[in-house]
Every structure is written in C-alpha cells, then in structure tokens.
Amino acid sequence: MSKEVTITNDNFDGEVLQSAVPVLLDFWAPWCNPCLAIAPIIEQISDEYDGTLKVGKINVDEQGPLAQKHSVTSIPTLAVYKGGQCVFSQPGALPKAGIEALVKQYL
C-alpha cells in the first residue's frame, strides 16, 4: 500500500519543510506519459523507504502556483527536500536505480 502524500499549497510547509525525514517530491500531471511511466516506481520507493523517506506528489495542473514557486518548468520533475531546504531538483524521468541512488544520498 502506497505511503505517498498528496502535496498542496496548504500542506506544503507541514509535510515538506517541517518533515523530520527527507522528502522526495514528484511534480507530475495526469496527461504526462513520462510521469505515468515513473508513477509505479515512485510508489515502490514510497513503500520501500517508508519511515526513512517521505514521498509527496504534486499535480501541477491542480497546484500550478506551487509548481511555479518551485521553478518547475518541465515534468516530471523530482526534487528532494531535507531539513526544510531543497537539496536536489531535476526534470526528467529516471529509472528506479537512478531514483534510489538519488534518495540514498540524503538519507
């Protein structure tokens, strides 16, 4: 069962900036094929790293101002927040091994 959290402008501070564990954010949209392709990988990572990593999903169609605030111009974009700071952000789909290598740097 997926542990992903839907991130909105209203809960961003509490779920991301104030998180006790690093947060992997997936900026996505339902019409984006690469976003849909990595969705199962993001879900697996959410399950496998439960307790040590929070995984949040931000639908850019529903949360446009939030995506704009974080300079997301292409999706999917993956970002990692640790200690209330964005420590990594990159557009593009990555394979599972690439996403795991990314998050392991910040655990």
C-alpha atoms as a PDB file:
ATOM      1  CA  MET A   1       0.000   0.000   0.000  1.00  0.00           C
ATOM      2  CA  SER A   2       1.424   3.319  -1.098  1.00  0.00           C
ATOM      3  CA  LYS A   3       2.503   5.843   1.503  1.00  0.00           C
ATOM      4  CA  GLU A   4       2.620   8.773  -0.942  1.00  0.00           C
ATOM      5  CA  VAL A   5       1.263  12.093   0.292  1.00  0.00           C
ATOM      6  CA  THR A   6      -0.618  14.500  -1.950  1.00  0.00           C
ATOM      7  CA  ILE A   7       1.116  17.838  -1.518  1.00  0.00           C
ATOM      8  CA  THR A   8      -0.812  21.088  -1.908  1.00  0.00           C
ATOM      9  CA  ASN A   9      -0.069  24.702  -1.219  1.00  0.00           C
ATOM     10  CA  ASP A  10      -1.972  24.342   2.056  1.00  0.00           C
ATOM     11  CA  ASN A  11       0.068  21.419   3.429  1.00  0.00           C
ATOM     12  CA  PHE A  12       3.478  22.074   1.808  1.00  0.00           C
ATOM     13  CA  ASP A  13       5.081  23.669   4.870  1.00  0.00           C
ATOM     14  CA  GLY A  14       3.950  20.941   7.277  1.00  0.00           C
ATOM     15  CA  GLU A  15       4.516  17.943   5.013  1.00  0.00           C
ATOM     16  CA  VAL A  16       7.731  19.077   3.310  1.00  0.00           C
ATOM     17  CA  LEU A  17       9.521  21.938   5.059  1.00  0.00           C
ATOM     18  CA  GLN A  18       8.856  20.645   8.577  1.00  0.00           C
ATOM     19  CA  SER A  19       9.304  16.941   7.797  1.00  0.00           C
ATOM     20  CA  ALA A  20      11.533  15.004  10.188  1.00  0.00           C
ATOM     21  CA  VAL A  21      12.746  12.846   7.277  1.00  0.00           C
ATOM     22  CA  PRO A  22      13.902  13.756   3.761  1.00  0.00           C
ATOM     23  CA  VAL A  23      11.102  14.269   1.224  1.00  0.00           C
ATOM     24  CA  LEU A  24      11.106  13.139  -2.401  1.00  0.00           C
ATOM     25  CA  LEU A  25       8.694  15.275  -4.421  1.00  0.00           C
ATOM     26  CA  ASP A  26       7.272  14.164  -7.737  1.00  0.00           C
ATOM     27  CA  PHE A  27       5.862  17.069  -9.782  1.00  0.00           C
ATOM     28  CA  TRP A  28       3.545  15.409 -12.301  1.00  0.00           C
ATOM     29  CA  ALA A  29       0.325  15.683 -14.334  1.00  0.00           C
ATOM     30  CA  PRO A  30      -2.194  13.021 -15.364  1.00  0.00           C
ATOM     31  CA  TRP A  31      -1.678  13.721 -19.099  1.00  0.00           C
ATOM     32  CA  CYS A  32       2.133  13.364 -18.908  1.00  0.00           C
ATOM     33  CA  ASN A  33       3.225   9.957 -20.242  1.00  0.00           C
ATOM     34  CA  PRO A  34       6.719  10.028 -18.664  1.00  0.00           C
ATOM     35  CA  CYS A  35       5.049  10.961 -15.349  1.00  0.00           C
ATOM     36  CA  LEU A  36       2.740   7.970 -15.639  1.00  0.00           C
ATOM     37  CA  ALA A  37       5.676   5.740 -16.568  1.00  0.00           C
ATOM     38  CA  ILE A  38       7.582   6.521 -13.356  1.00  0.00           C
ATOM     39  CA  ALA A  39       4.485   6.541 -11.103  1.00  0.00           C
ATOM     40  CA  PRO A  40       4.799   2.832 -10.191  1.00  0.00           C
ATOM     41  CA  ILE A  41       8.497   3.349  -9.387  1.00  0.00           C
ATOM     42  CA  ILE A  42       7.700   6.310  -7.152  1.00  0.00           C
ATOM     43  CA  GLU A  43       5.048   4.192  -5.406  1.00  0.00           C
ATOM     44  CA  GLN A  44       7.538   1.334  -4.851  1.00  0.00           C
ATOM     45  CA  ILE A  45      10.092   3.736  -3.388  1.00  0.00           C
ATOM     46  CA  SER A  46       7.407   5.181  -1.121  1.00  0.00           C
ATOM     47  CA  ASP A  47       6.680   1.677   0.214  1.00  0.00           C
ATOM     48  CA  GLU A  48      10.294   0.505   0.436  1.00  0.00           C
ATOM     49  CA  TYR A  49      11.607   3.609   2.219  1.00  0.00           C
ATOM     50  CA  ASP A  50       8.605   4.151   4.493  1.00  0.00           C
ATOM     51  CA  GLY A  51       9.774   5.668   7.762  1.00  0.00           C
ATOM     52  CA  THR A  52      13.069   6.977   6.392  1.00  0.00           C
ATOM     53  CA  LEU A  53      11.766   8.942   3.378  1.00  0.00           C
ATOM     54  CA  LYS A  54       8.500  10.737   2.728  1.00  0.00           C
ATOM     55  CA  VAL A  55       7.244  10.743  -0.852  1.00  0.00           C
ATOM     56  CA  GLY A  56       4.996  13.555  -1.996  1.00  0.00           C
ATOM     57  CA  LYS A  57       3.156  14.002  -5.270  1.00  0.00           C
ATOM     58  CA  ILE A  58       2.298  17.439  -6.622  1.00  0.00           C
ATOM     59  CA  ASN A  59      -0.178  17.569  -9.504  1.00  0.00           C
ATOM     60  CA  VAL A  60       0.969  20.658 -11.421  1.00  0.00           C
ATOM     61  CA  ASP A  61      -2.482  21.099 -13.024  1.00  0.00           C
ATOM     62  CA  GLU A  62      -4.099  21.401  -9.595  1.00  0.00           C
ATOM     63  CA  GLN A  63      -1.171  23.137  -7.852  1.00  0.00           C
ATOM     64  CA  GLY A  64       0.148  25.422 -10.602  1.00  0.00           C
ATOM     65  CA  PRO A  65       1.221  28.257  -8.268  1.00  0.00           C
ATOM     66  CA  LEU A  66       3.141  25.773  -6.094  1.00  0.00           C
ATOM     67  CA  ALA A  67       4.947  24.346  -9.128  1.00  0.00           C
ATOM     68  CA  GLN A  68       5.704  27.863 -10.361  1.00  0.00           C
ATOM     69  CA  LYS A  69       7.020  28.877  -6.926  1.00  0.00           C
ATOM     70  CA  HIS A  70       9.493  25.979  -7.145  1.00  0.00           C
ATOM     71  CA  SER A  71      10.534  26.820 -10.734  1.00  0.00           C
ATOM     72  CA  VAL A  72       9.106  23.631 -12.242  1.00  0.00           C
ATOM     73  CA  THR A  73       9.024  24.200 -15.989  1.00  0.00           C
ATOM     74  CA  SER A  74       9.096  20.590 -17.181  1.00  0.00           C
ATOM     75  CA  ILE A  75       7.526  17.417 -15.845  1.00  0.00           C
ATOM     76  CA  PRO A  76       8.175  15.036 -14.403  1.00  0.00           C
ATOM     77  CA  THR A  77      10.464  16.898 -12.042  1.00  0.00           C
ATOM     78  CA  LEU A  78      11.884  15.184  -8.988  1.00  0.00           C
ATOM     79  CA  ALA A  79      13.018  17.235  -6.011  1.00  0.00           C
ATOM     80  CA  VAL A  80      14.468  16.275  -2.643  1.00  0.00           C
ATOM     81  CA  TYR A  81      13.970  18.373   0.470  1.00  0.00           C
ATOM     82  CA  LYS A  82      15.988  17.818   3.614  1.00  0.00           C
ATOM     83  CA  GLY A  83      15.890  19.974   6.720  1.00  0.00           C
ATOM     84  CA  GLY A  84      13.410  22.330   5.092  1.00  0.00           C
ATOM     85  CA  GLN A  85      15.688  23.044   2.108  1.00  0.00           C
ATOM     86  CA  CYS A  86      15.592  21.879  -1.492  1.00  0.00           C
ATOM     87  CA  VAL A  87      18.840  19.925  -1.900  1.00  0.00           C
ATOM     88  CA  PHE A  88      18.122  18.500  -5.364  1.00  0.00           C
ATOM     89  CA  SER A  89      15.806  19.226  -8.276  1.00  0.00           C
ATOM     90  CA  GLN A  90      15.900  17.775 -11.777  1.00  0.00           C
ATOM     91  CA  PRO A  91      13.387  17.408 -14.581  1.00  0.00           C
ATOM     92  CA  GLY A  92      13.024  14.126 -16.426  1.00  0.00           C
ATOM     93  CA  ALA A  93      12.128  10.531 -15.751  1.00  0.00           C
ATOM     94  CA  LEU A  94      14.737   8.328 -14.086  1.00  0.00           C
ATOM     95  CA  PRO A  95      14.857   4.545 -13.765  1.00  0.00           C
ATOM     96  CA  LYS A  96      14.306   3.058 -10.311  1.00  0.00           C
ATOM     97  CA  ALA A  97      18.047   2.594  -9.731  1.00  0.00           C
ATOM     98  CA  GLY A  98      18.619   6.274 -10.525  1.00  0.00           C
ATOM     99  CA  ILE A  99      15.907   7.456  -8.148  1.00  0.00           C
ATOM    100  CA  GLU A 100      17.174   5.138  -5.398  1.00  0.00           C
ATOM    101  CA  ALA A 101      20.756   6.379  -5.860  1.00  0.00           C
ATOM    102  CA  LEU A 102      19.442   9.926  -5.632  1.00  0.00           C
ATOM    103  CA  VAL A 103      17.468   9.482  -2.421  1.00  0.00           C
ATOM    104  CA  LYS A 104      20.144   7.383  -0.701  1.00  0.00           C
ATOM    105  CA  GLN A 105      22.453  10.416  -0.819  1.00  0.00           C
ATOM    106  CA  TYR A 106      20.112  12.275   1.528  1.00  0.00           C
ATOM    107  CA  LEU A 107      19.016   9.538   3.951  1.00  0.00           C
END
